[in-house]
C-alpha atoms as a PDB file:
ATOM      1  CA  MET A   1     220.212-222.524 203.665  1.00  0.00           C
ATOM      2  CA  ASN A   2     219.798-218.979 204.319  1.00  0.00           C
ATOM      3  CA  ILE A   3     217.488-219.744 206.920  1.00  0.00           C
ATOM      4  CA  MET A   4     219.652-222.221 208.474  1.00  0.00           C
ATOM      5  CA  LEU A   5     222.771-219.073 208.270  1.00  0.00           C
ATOM      6  CA  VAL A   6     220.889-216.517 210.345  1.00  0.00           C
ATOM      7  CA  SER A   7     219.536-219.662 212.224  1.00  0.00           C
ATOM      8  CA  VAL A   8     223.733-220.315 213.674  1.00  0.00           C
ATOM      9  CA  THR A   9     224.248-216.304 214.059  1.00  0.00           C
ATOM     10  CA  GLU A  10     221.037-215.535 216.221  1.00  0.00           C
ATOM     11  CA  ARG A  11     222.227-219.092 218.376  1.00  0.00           C
ATOM     12  CA  THR A  12     226.467-218.121 218.650  1.00  0.00           C
ATOM     13  CA  ARG A  13     226.194-217.576 222.295  1.00  0.00           C
ATOM     14  CA  GLU A  14     224.365-220.612 222.583  1.00  0.00           C
ATOM     15  CA  VAL A  15     226.996-222.594 219.983  1.00  0.00           C
ATOM     16  CA  GLY A  16     229.927-220.299 222.423  1.00  0.00           C
ATOM     17  CA  LEU A  17     228.008-222.000 225.713  1.00  0.00           C
ATOM     18  CA  ARG A  18     227.566-224.990 224.313  1.00  0.00           C
ATOM     19  CA  LYS A  19     231.267-225.646 223.087  1.00  0.00           C
ATOM     20  CA  ALA A  20     232.458-223.156 227.126  1.00  0.00           C
ATOM     21  CA  ILE A  21     230.479-226.615 228.461  1.00  0.00           C
ATOM     22  CA  GLY A  22     232.324-229.343 226.760  1.00  0.00           C
ATOM     23  CA  ALA A  23     230.332-229.575 223.982  1.00  0.00           C
ATOM     24  CA  ARG A  24     232.394-231.390 220.937  1.00  0.00           C
ATOM     25  CA  PRO A  25     231.788-229.802 217.071  1.00  0.00           C
ATOM     26  CA  ARG A  26     230.940-232.527 215.361  1.00  0.00           C
ATOM     27  CA  ASP A  27     227.913-232.930 218.969  1.00  0.00           C
ATOM     28  CA  ILE A  28     226.993-228.619 217.233  1.00  0.00           C
ATOM     29  CA  ALA A  29     227.740-229.835 214.117  1.00  0.00           C
ATOM     30  CA  LEU A  30     225.148-232.491 214.538  1.00  0.00           C
ATOM     31  CA  GLN A  31     222.450-230.640 216.112  1.00  0.00           C
ATOM     32  CA  PHE A  32     222.251-227.757 213.216  1.00  0.00           C
ATOM     33  CA  LEU A  33     222.112-230.365 210.415  1.00  0.00           C
ATOM     34  CA  THR A  34     219.808-232.486 211.482  1.00  0.00           C
ATOM     35  CA  GLU A  35     217.642-229.289 212.347  1.00  0.00           C
ATOM     36  CA  ALA A  36     217.932-228.927 208.571  1.00  0.00           C
ATOM     37  CA  LEU A  37     217.293-231.898 207.212  1.00  0.00           C
ATOM     38  CA  LEU A  38     213.915-231.603 209.678  1.00  0.00           C
ATOM     39  CA  LEU A  39     213.328-228.832 207.835  1.00  0.00           C
ATOM     40  CA  THR A  40     213.911-230.116 204.706  1.00  0.00           C
ATOM     41  CA  PHE A  41     211.647-233.055 204.849  1.00  0.00           C
ATOM     42  CA  VAL A  42     208.626-231.150 206.437  1.00  0.00           C
ATOM     43  CA  ALA A  43     208.119-229.160 204.124  1.00  0.00           C
ATOM     44  CA  GLY A  44     209.246-231.680 200.893  1.00  0.00           C
ATOM     45  CA  ILE A  45     206.275-233.856 202.763  1.00  0.00           C
ATOM     46  CA  ILE A  46     203.543-230.350 202.696  1.00  0.00           C
ATOM     47  CA  GLY A  47     204.521-229.523 199.665  1.00  0.00           C
ATOM     48  CA  MET A  48     204.123-232.753 198.054  1.00  0.00           C
ATOM     49  CA  LEU A  49     200.955-233.362 200.220  1.00  0.00           C
ATOM     50  CA  VAL A  50     199.845-230.520 198.101  1.00  0.00           C
ATOM     51  CA  ALA A  51     200.460-231.339 194.862  1.00  0.00           C
ATOM     52  CA  VAL A  52     198.447-234.610 195.393  1.00  0.00           C
ATOM     53  CA  VAL A  53     195.811-233.054 196.418  1.00  0.00           C
ATOM     54  CA  LEU A  54     195.660-230.183 194.469  1.00  0.00           C
ATOM     55  CA  ALA A  55     195.738-232.580 191.444  1.00  0.00           C
ATOM     56  CA  HIS A  56     192.980-234.652 192.918  1.00  0.00           C
ATOM     57  CA  ALA A  57     190.709-231.065 193.184  1.00  0.00           C
ATOM     58  CA  ILE A  58     191.647-229.347 190.232  1.00  0.00           C
ATOM     59  CA  PRO A  59     188.405-231.275 187.517  1.00  0.00           C
ATOM     60  CA  PRO A  60     190.324-232.001 183.655  1.00  0.00           C
ATOM     61  CA  MET A  61     191.490-228.810 181.604  1.00  0.00           C
ATOM     62  CA  PRO A  62     189.885-228.718 177.975  1.00  0.00           C
ATOM     63  CA  LEU A  63     192.841-228.011 175.561  1.00  0.00           C
ATOM     64  CA  TYR A  64     190.920-228.205 172.123  1.00  0.00           C
ATOM     65  CA  SER A  65     188.122-230.673 173.244  1.00  0.00           C
ATOM     66  CA  GLU A  66     185.498-228.426 173.826  1.00  0.00           C
ATOM     67  CA  GLN A  67     186.657-227.787 169.435  1.00  0.00           C
ATOM     68  CA  PHE A  68     186.246-230.549 168.389  1.00  0.00           C
ATOM     69  CA  LYS A  69     183.828-232.295 171.216  1.00  0.00           C
ATOM     70  CA  THR A  70     185.319-236.141 171.789  1.00  0.00           C
ATOM     71  CA  VAL A  71     183.183-237.983 174.052  1.00  0.00           C
ATOM     72  CA  ASN A  72     186.270-238.988 175.693  1.00  0.00           C
ATOM     73  CA  HIS A  73     188.038-236.227 177.196  1.00  0.00           C
ATOM     74  CA  GLU A  74     190.754-236.230 173.924  1.00  0.00           C
ATOM     75  CA  GLY A  75     192.795-233.090 174.216  1.00  0.00           C
ATOM     76  CA  ASP A  76     192.547-232.654 177.761  1.00  0.00           C
ATOM     77  CA  ILE A  77     195.106-232.158 180.245  1.00  0.00           C
ATOM     78  CA  PHE A  78     194.982-233.950 183.354  1.00  0.00           C
ATOM     79  CA  LEU A  79     196.717-234.090 186.359  1.00  0.00           C
ATOM     80  CA  ARG A  80     198.706-236.711 188.270  1.00  0.00           C
ATOM     81  CA  THR A  81     200.794-237.155 190.275  1.00  0.00           C
ATOM     82  CA  SER A  82     203.929-239.991 189.491  1.00  0.00           C
ATOM     83  CA  ALA A  83     205.510-241.957 192.076  1.00  0.00           C
ATOM     84  CA  THR A  84     208.538-241.677 190.131  1.00  0.00           C
ATOM     85  CA  VAL A  85     209.083-237.878 190.028  1.00  0.00           C
ATOM     86  CA  MET A  86     207.211-237.298 193.840  1.00  0.00           C
ATOM     87  CA  LEU A  87     210.830-240.148 195.132  1.00  0.00           C
ATOM     88  CA  SER A  88     213.109-238.839 193.106  1.00  0.00           C
ATOM     89  CA  SER A  89     211.995-234.548 193.956  1.00  0.00           C
ATOM     90  CA  PHE A  90     212.549-236.358 197.290  1.00  0.00           C
ATOM     91  CA  LEU A  91     215.941-237.645 196.114  1.00  0.00           C
ATOM     92  CA  ILE A  92     217.134-234.083 195.328  1.00  0.00           C
ATOM     93  CA  LEU A  93     215.248-232.328 197.889  1.00  0.00           C
ATOM     94  CA  ALA A  94     217.569-234.261 200.324  1.00  0.00           C
ATOM     95  CA  GLY A  95     220.566-233.382 198.725  1.00  0.00           C
ATOM     96  CA  VAL A  96     219.925-229.773 198.931  1.00  0.00           C
ATOM     97  CA  GLY A  97     218.926-230.374 202.814  1.00  0.00           C
ATOM     98  CA  VAL A  98     222.281-231.960 203.149  1.00  0.00           C
ATOM     99  CA  PHE A  99     223.679-229.079 201.297  1.00  0.00           C
ATOM    100  CA  SER A 100     222.082-226.488 202.817  1.00  0.00           C
ATOM    101  CA  GLY A 101     222.481-228.041 206.155  1.00  0.00           C
ATOM    102  CA  LEU A 102     226.255-228.731 205.960  1.00  0.00           C
ATOM    103  CA  TRP A 103     227.932-224.894 205.491  1.00  0.00           C
ATOM    104  CA  PRO A 104     225.976-223.613 208.308  1.00  0.00           C
ATOM    105  CA  ALA A 105     226.702-227.067 210.337  1.00  0.00           C
ATOM    106  CA  LEU A 106     230.340-226.269 210.294  1.00  0.00           C
ATOM    107  CA  LYS A 107     230.401-222.933 210.580  1.00  0.00           C
ATOM    108  CA  ALA A 108     228.555-223.380 214.347  1.00  0.00           C
ATOM    109  CA  ALA A 109     231.214-226.657 215.284  1.00  0.00           C
ATOM    110  CA  SER A 110     234.440-224.120 213.976  1.00  0.00           C
ATOM    111  CA  MET A 111     233.508-221.106 216.566  1.00  0.00           C
ATOM    112  CA  ASN A 112     235.692-220.294 218.817  1.00  0.00           C
ATOM    113  CA  PRO A 113     233.385-220.558 222.780  1.00  0.00           C
ATOM    114  CA  VAL A 114     235.005-217.100 223.607  1.00  0.00           C
ATOM    115  CA  GLU A 115     234.211-214.622 220.819  1.00  0.00           C
ATOM    116  CA  ALA A 116     231.388-216.708 220.379  1.00  0.00           C
ATOM    117  CA  LEU A 117     230.153-215.875 224.019  1.00  0.00           C
ATOM    118  CA  ARG A 118     230.958-212.225 223.577  1.00  0.00           C
ATOM    119  CA  TYR A 119     229.221-212.036 220.659  1.00  0.00           C
ATOM    120  CA  GLU A 120     226.331-209.940 220.327  1.00  0.00           C
END
């Protein structure tokens, strides 16, 4: 949300110019909301890919199998990825992305074009 608020603040003159030449508030809100969702989903996908790679790259970690010398590695910690956990985290991520992008998008859409163009 902070990144999107900074993005709106940095592009205040652009928003003012777009509104001055006829952009509707919904067009500007849609632009910033789309940008927030794109950033959220790309970061989420990269994070999930890193998690899958790390889960496969890290070998089993002995917890108490070293002490008891078990043959089938009972008691070791195995990292595994779960489709259910990844889907639920993706849905939570989508909710956070919409929530975090909505406020800056509405803020940009409600700007007065004259004041936005005057902004330094």
